């Protein structure tokens, strides 16, 4: 494991300690869980963006070699 440290204001610290006491966890255990949850949510967000990007393809429509319009194909899955 690696150590992560940061400073938070007194009010947030008191709220964090109170939350941990209510949950029956130590502060470090709670922070590990929050960080892990945030990282997993971020990975899901990136995956959704990647899927959205792969579903839309821009195509240039040309007539006699000259671009005249741009069309976007969108694949809709049920």
N, C-alpha and C. Protein backbone atom coordinates (compact mmCIF):
# COMPACT_ATOMS: atom_id res chain seq x y z
N UNK A 1 0.83 -1.19 0.00
CA UNK A 1 0.00 0.00 0.00
C UNK A 1 0.87 1.24 0.00
N UNK A 2 0.33 2.30 -0.53
CA UNK A 2 0.99 3.61 -0.56
C UNK A 2 0.24 4.56 0.37
N UNK A 3 0.93 5.59 0.82
CA UNK A 3 0.31 6.58 1.70
C UNK A 3 -0.09 7.79 0.89
N UNK A 4 -1.30 8.29 1.13
CA UNK A 4 -1.81 9.52 0.52
C UNK A 4 -2.14 10.46 1.67
N UNK A 5 -1.75 11.72 1.54
CA UNK A 5 -2.08 12.65 2.61
C UNK A 5 -2.55 13.97 2.02
N UNK A 6 -3.42 14.64 2.75
CA UNK A 6 -3.91 15.96 2.35
C UNK A 6 -4.38 16.69 3.60
N UNK A 7 -4.56 17.97 3.46
CA UNK A 7 -5.10 18.77 4.57
C UNK A 7 -6.55 19.10 4.26
N UNK A 8 -7.40 19.03 5.27
CA UNK A 8 -8.80 19.45 5.14
C UNK A 8 -9.11 20.39 6.28
N UNK A 9 -10.13 21.20 6.10
CA UNK A 9 -10.44 22.15 7.17
C UNK A 9 -11.06 21.44 8.38
N UNK A 10 -11.08 22.13 9.49
CA UNK A 10 -11.53 21.53 10.75
C UNK A 10 -12.97 21.02 10.70
N UNK A 11 -13.84 21.76 10.05
CA UNK A 11 -15.25 21.35 9.98
C UNK A 11 -15.38 20.04 9.20
N UNK A 12 -14.70 19.94 8.06
CA UNK A 12 -14.77 18.70 7.28
C UNK A 12 -14.14 17.54 8.04
N UNK A 13 -13.06 17.81 8.76
CA UNK A 13 -12.44 16.75 9.55
C UNK A 13 -13.41 16.24 10.61
N UNK A 14 -14.07 17.15 11.32
CA UNK A 14 -15.03 16.74 12.35
C UNK A 14 -16.19 15.95 11.74
N UNK A 15 -16.65 16.37 10.58
CA UNK A 15 -17.73 15.65 9.89
C UNK A 15 -17.28 14.26 9.48
N UNK A 16 -16.03 14.16 8.99
CA UNK A 16 -15.49 12.87 8.58
C UNK A 16 -15.39 11.92 9.77
N UNK A 17 -14.86 12.40 10.88
CA UNK A 17 -14.72 11.57 12.07
C UNK A 17 -16.10 11.13 12.57
N UNK A 18 -17.06 12.04 12.55
CA UNK A 18 -18.41 11.69 12.98
C UNK A 18 -19.02 10.62 12.07
N UNK A 19 -18.83 10.78 10.77
CA UNK A 19 -19.35 9.79 9.82
C UNK A 19 -18.70 8.42 10.06
N UNK A 20 -17.40 8.42 10.27
CA UNK A 20 -16.68 7.16 10.51
C UNK A 20 -17.16 6.50 11.80
N UNK A 21 -17.35 7.30 12.83
CA UNK A 21 -17.86 6.76 14.09
C UNK A 21 -19.24 6.15 13.90
N UNK A 22 -20.09 6.83 13.13
CA UNK A 22 -21.44 6.31 12.87
C UNK A 22 -21.39 5.00 12.09
N UNK A 23 -20.41 4.90 11.17
CA UNK A 23 -20.27 3.70 10.33
C UNK A 23 -19.45 2.61 11.00
N UNK A 24 -18.82 2.93 12.12
CA UNK A 24 -17.99 1.95 12.81
C UNK A 24 -16.69 1.65 12.09
N UNK A 25 -16.16 2.62 11.35
CA UNK A 25 -14.92 2.46 10.61
C UNK A 25 -13.90 3.46 11.12
N UNK A 26 -12.63 3.15 10.93
CA UNK A 26 -11.60 4.15 11.21
C UNK A 26 -11.51 5.08 10.00
N UNK A 27 -10.93 6.25 10.19
CA UNK A 27 -10.86 7.26 9.14
C UNK A 27 -10.13 6.71 7.91
N UNK A 28 -8.99 6.05 8.12
CA UNK A 28 -8.22 5.57 6.96
C UNK A 28 -9.00 4.53 6.16
N UNK A 29 -9.74 3.67 6.85
CA UNK A 29 -10.55 2.65 6.17
C UNK A 29 -11.65 3.31 5.34
N UNK A 30 -12.27 4.32 5.90
CA UNK A 30 -13.33 5.03 5.20
C UNK A 30 -12.78 5.77 3.97
N UNK A 31 -11.63 6.43 4.15
CA UNK A 31 -11.02 7.15 3.02
C UNK A 31 -10.62 6.19 1.90
N UNK A 32 -10.07 5.03 2.25
CA UNK A 32 -9.72 4.05 1.22
C UNK A 32 -10.97 3.67 0.42
N UNK A 33 -12.07 3.44 1.11
CA UNK A 33 -13.31 3.08 0.43
C UNK A 33 -13.81 4.18 -0.48
N UNK A 34 -13.75 5.43 0.01
CA UNK A 34 -14.21 6.56 -0.80
C UNK A 34 -13.35 6.75 -2.04
N UNK A 35 -12.04 6.63 -1.87
CA UNK A 35 -11.14 6.79 -3.02
C UNK A 35 -11.39 5.68 -4.04
N UNK A 36 -11.52 4.46 -3.57
CA UNK A 36 -11.78 3.34 -4.48
C UNK A 36 -13.10 3.54 -5.23
N UNK A 37 -14.13 3.95 -4.52
CA UNK A 37 -15.44 4.18 -5.14
C UNK A 37 -15.35 5.29 -6.19
N UNK A 38 -14.63 6.35 -5.88
CA UNK A 38 -14.49 7.46 -6.82
C UNK A 38 -13.72 7.02 -8.07
N UNK A 39 -12.65 6.26 -7.88
CA UNK A 39 -11.87 5.79 -9.03
C UNK A 39 -12.68 4.85 -9.92
N UNK A 40 -13.46 3.96 -9.32
CA UNK A 40 -14.30 3.06 -10.10
C UNK A 40 -15.36 3.82 -10.89
N UNK A 41 -15.96 4.84 -10.26
CA UNK A 41 -16.96 5.66 -10.96
C UNK A 41 -16.32 6.40 -12.12
N UNK A 42 -15.10 6.88 -11.93
CA UNK A 42 -14.39 7.58 -13.00
C UNK A 42 -14.09 6.64 -14.17
N UNK A 43 -13.68 5.42 -13.86
CA UNK A 43 -13.42 4.44 -14.92
C UNK A 43 -14.68 4.11 -15.69
N UNK A 44 -15.81 3.99 -15.00
CA UNK A 44 -17.09 3.74 -15.68
C UNK A 44 -17.46 4.91 -16.58
N UNK A 45 -17.23 6.14 -16.10
CA UNK A 45 -17.51 7.33 -16.90
C UNK A 45 -16.66 7.34 -18.17
N UNK A 46 -15.38 7.04 -18.04
CA UNK A 46 -14.50 7.01 -19.22
C UNK A 46 -14.93 5.93 -20.20
N UNK A 47 -15.36 4.79 -19.69
CA UNK A 47 -15.82 3.71 -20.57
C UNK A 47 -17.08 4.12 -21.32
N UNK A 48 -18.01 4.82 -20.64
CA UNK A 48 -19.23 5.28 -21.30
C UNK A 48 -18.89 6.29 -22.38
N UNK A 49 -17.97 7.22 -22.10
CA UNK A 49 -17.57 8.19 -23.12
C UNK A 49 -16.94 7.50 -24.32
N UNK A 50 -16.13 6.48 -24.06
CA UNK A 50 -15.47 5.73 -25.14
C UNK A 50 -16.51 5.03 -26.01
N UNK A 51 -17.52 4.43 -25.38
CA UNK A 51 -18.58 3.74 -26.13
C UNK A 51 -19.39 4.74 -26.95
N UNK A 52 -19.71 5.89 -26.37
CA UNK A 52 -20.47 6.90 -27.10
C UNK A 52 -19.68 7.38 -28.33
N UNK A 53 -18.40 7.57 -28.15
CA UNK A 53 -17.56 8.04 -29.25
C UNK A 53 -17.49 7.01 -30.36
N UNK A 54 -17.44 5.73 -30.00
CA UNK A 54 -17.34 4.70 -31.03
C UNK A 54 -18.67 4.48 -31.75
N UNK A 55 -19.77 4.93 -31.17
CA UNK A 55 -21.07 4.78 -31.82
C UNK A 55 -21.34 5.85 -32.86
N UNK A 56 -20.68 6.96 -32.76
CA UNK A 56 -20.91 8.06 -33.71
C UNK A 56 -19.69 8.20 -34.60
N UNK A 57 -19.91 8.11 -35.90
CA UNK A 57 -18.83 8.27 -36.87
C UNK A 57 -19.20 9.39 -37.83
N UNK A 58 -18.30 10.32 -37.98
CA UNK A 58 -18.52 11.40 -38.93
C UNK A 58 -18.01 10.97 -40.30
N UNK A 59 -18.81 11.24 -41.30
CA UNK A 59 -18.43 10.91 -42.67
C UNK A 59 -18.56 12.16 -43.52
N UNK A 60 -17.59 12.41 -44.35
CA UNK A 60 -17.65 13.53 -45.29
C UNK A 60 -18.23 13.02 -46.60
N UNK A 61 -19.28 13.70 -47.07
CA UNK A 61 -19.90 13.35 -48.34
C UNK A 61 -19.29 14.23 -49.41
N UNK A 62 -18.78 13.61 -50.45
CA UNK A 62 -18.12 14.35 -51.53
C UNK A 62 -18.85 14.16 -52.84
N UNK A 63 -18.84 15.20 -53.64
CA UNK A 63 -19.33 15.14 -55.02
C UNK A 63 -18.21 15.67 -55.89
N UNK A 64 -17.80 14.85 -56.85
CA UNK A 64 -16.68 15.20 -57.73
C UNK A 64 -15.44 15.58 -56.93
N UNK A 65 -15.22 14.86 -55.83
CA UNK A 65 -14.02 15.07 -55.03
C UNK A 65 -14.07 16.28 -54.11
N UNK A 66 -15.20 16.99 -54.10
CA UNK A 66 -15.34 18.17 -53.25
C UNK A 66 -16.26 17.85 -52.07
N UNK A 67 -15.83 18.17 -50.84
CA UNK A 67 -16.70 17.93 -49.68
C UNK A 67 -17.92 18.84 -49.74
N UNK A 68 -19.11 18.24 -49.59
CA UNK A 68 -20.33 19.04 -49.64
C UNK A 68 -21.15 18.94 -48.35
N UNK A 69 -20.92 17.91 -47.55
CA UNK A 69 -21.69 17.78 -46.33
C UNK A 69 -20.98 16.80 -45.41
N UNK A 70 -21.35 16.87 -44.15
CA UNK A 70 -20.85 15.93 -43.17
C UNK A 70 -22.06 15.20 -42.58
N UNK A 71 -21.97 13.91 -42.54
CA UNK A 71 -23.07 13.11 -42.02
C UNK A 71 -22.55 12.32 -40.84
N UNK A 72 -23.39 12.16 -39.85
CA UNK A 72 -23.00 11.37 -38.69
C UNK A 72 -23.88 10.14 -38.59
N UNK A 73 -23.25 8.98 -38.57
CA UNK A 73 -23.97 7.73 -38.35
C UNK A 73 -24.02 7.48 -36.86
N UNK A 74 -25.18 7.21 -36.34
CA UNK A 74 -25.32 6.90 -34.93
C UNK A 74 -25.91 5.50 -34.83
N UNK A 75 -25.24 4.64 -34.13
CA UNK A 75 -25.71 3.28 -33.94
C UNK A 75 -26.50 3.24 -32.66
N UNK A 76 -27.76 2.85 -32.76
CA UNK A 76 -28.62 2.78 -31.58
C UNK A 76 -28.83 1.32 -31.24
N UNK A 77 -28.49 0.96 -30.02
CA UNK A 77 -28.67 -0.42 -29.57
C UNK A 77 -29.86 -0.49 -28.62
N UNK A 78 -30.67 -1.51 -28.78
CA UNK A 78 -31.82 -1.69 -27.90
C UNK A 78 -31.46 -2.47 -26.67
